[in-house]
């Protein structure tokens, strides 16, 4: 059973810094695998679309379907793993007159 690390504990990487100042935003192995999968899908989407289009005698339609697959794949990746907050000055901290 793994111990949960709080923000103020020493970082498990051994740097001597607090976890919140060192590795708190480091990508996990699952995030790395998902990024590699997204790159793999991106690398294959246009050539596979072009091949399908060539076999159906509609090269333009095949390339367009490959590009749509590429855009949808990256859209899913971005919405599943949004970029981290930038901290105090980020847009998520707007006070709206408060």
Protein backbone atom coordinates (compact mmCIF):
# COMPACT_ATOMS: atom_id res chain seq x y z
CA UNK A 1 0.00 0.00 0.00
CA UNK A 2 1.50 3.34 -1.03
CA UNK A 3 1.61 6.31 1.33
CA UNK A 4 -0.10 9.48 0.18
CA UNK A 5 2.23 12.42 -0.13
CA UNK A 6 1.03 15.80 1.10
CA UNK A 7 2.15 19.07 -0.43
CA UNK A 8 4.54 19.96 2.41
CA UNK A 9 6.27 16.56 2.67
CA UNK A 10 9.79 16.17 1.29
CA UNK A 11 9.71 15.21 -2.37
CA UNK A 12 10.13 11.46 -2.95
CA UNK A 13 12.53 12.10 -5.85
CA UNK A 14 15.25 12.95 -3.31
CA UNK A 15 15.85 16.56 -4.33
CA UNK A 16 15.44 17.85 -0.76
CA UNK A 17 12.69 20.28 -1.82
CA UNK A 18 9.10 20.20 -0.68
CA UNK A 19 6.81 18.17 -2.92
CA UNK A 20 4.78 21.27 -3.84
CA UNK A 21 7.90 22.98 -5.20
CA UNK A 22 9.32 19.98 -7.02
CA UNK A 23 7.31 17.15 -8.57
CA UNK A 24 3.66 17.95 -7.79
CA UNK A 25 2.89 18.77 -11.44
CA UNK A 26 5.09 16.06 -12.95
CA UNK A 27 3.14 13.87 -15.38
CA UNK A 28 2.24 10.41 -14.13
CA UNK A 29 3.07 7.26 -16.06
CA UNK A 30 -0.58 7.01 -17.15
CA UNK A 31 -0.44 10.53 -18.59
CA UNK A 32 2.78 9.68 -20.41
CA UNK A 33 1.17 6.55 -21.92
CA UNK A 34 -1.88 8.55 -23.03
CA UNK A 35 0.37 11.15 -24.66
CA UNK A 36 2.26 8.46 -26.53
CA UNK A 37 -1.04 6.92 -27.64
CA UNK A 38 -2.25 10.32 -28.89
CA UNK A 39 0.98 10.79 -30.88
CA UNK A 40 0.63 7.29 -32.33
CA UNK A 41 -2.95 7.98 -33.43
CA UNK A 42 -1.86 11.33 -34.87
CA UNK A 43 0.97 9.72 -36.82
CA UNK A 44 -1.36 7.11 -38.32
CA UNK A 45 -4.55 9.11 -38.93
CA UNK A 46 -3.60 10.97 -42.11
CA UNK A 47 -1.75 8.10 -43.88
CA UNK A 48 -4.56 5.65 -43.06
CA UNK A 49 -7.14 8.19 -44.24
CA UNK A 50 -5.19 8.73 -47.47
CA UNK A 51 -4.92 4.96 -48.03
CA UNK A 52 -8.64 4.48 -47.49
CA UNK A 53 -9.35 7.39 -49.81
CA UNK A 54 -7.01 5.97 -52.46
CA UNK A 55 -8.71 2.56 -52.28
CA UNK A 56 -12.14 4.18 -52.66
CA UNK A 57 -10.98 6.55 -55.41
CA UNK A 58 -11.73 9.57 -53.20
CA UNK A 59 -8.32 10.74 -51.98
CA UNK A 60 -9.60 14.12 -50.78
CA UNK A 61 -12.34 12.49 -48.68
CA UNK A 62 -9.85 10.05 -47.19
CA UNK A 63 -7.41 12.78 -46.19
CA UNK A 64 -10.27 14.82 -44.71
CA UNK A 65 -11.45 11.83 -42.65
CA UNK A 66 -7.86 11.37 -41.43
CA UNK A 67 -7.63 15.02 -40.43
CA UNK A 68 -10.97 14.84 -38.64
CA UNK A 69 -9.73 11.79 -36.73
CA UNK A 70 -6.60 13.74 -35.81
CA UNK A 71 -8.56 16.76 -34.54
CA UNK A 72 -11.01 14.64 -32.55
CA UNK A 73 -8.18 12.62 -31.02
CA UNK A 74 -6.31 15.69 -29.84
CA UNK A 75 -9.54 17.31 -28.65
CA UNK A 76 -10.27 14.32 -26.44
CA UNK A 77 -6.69 14.37 -25.13
CA UNK A 78 -6.86 18.07 -24.27
CA UNK A 79 -10.25 17.88 -22.56
CA UNK A 80 -9.27 14.81 -20.53
CA UNK A 81 -5.99 16.36 -19.35
CA UNK A 82 -6.29 20.15 -19.26
CA UNK A 83 -3.12 22.16 -18.70
CA UNK A 84 -2.33 22.87 -15.03
CA UNK A 85 -3.31 26.14 -13.41
CA UNK A 86 -0.74 28.91 -13.57
CA UNK A 87 -1.23 29.80 -9.91
CA UNK A 88 -2.26 33.14 -8.44
CA UNK A 89 -2.33 35.14 -11.65
CA UNK A 90 -4.24 32.62 -13.77
CA UNK A 91 -7.63 33.13 -15.34
CA UNK A 92 -9.15 30.67 -12.88
CA UNK A 93 -8.57 33.20 -10.08
CA UNK A 94 -10.55 36.13 -11.51
CA UNK A 95 -12.33 37.91 -8.67
CA UNK A 96 -14.99 39.79 -10.66
CA UNK A 97 -14.99 42.75 -8.29
CA UNK A 98 -14.80 40.80 -5.06
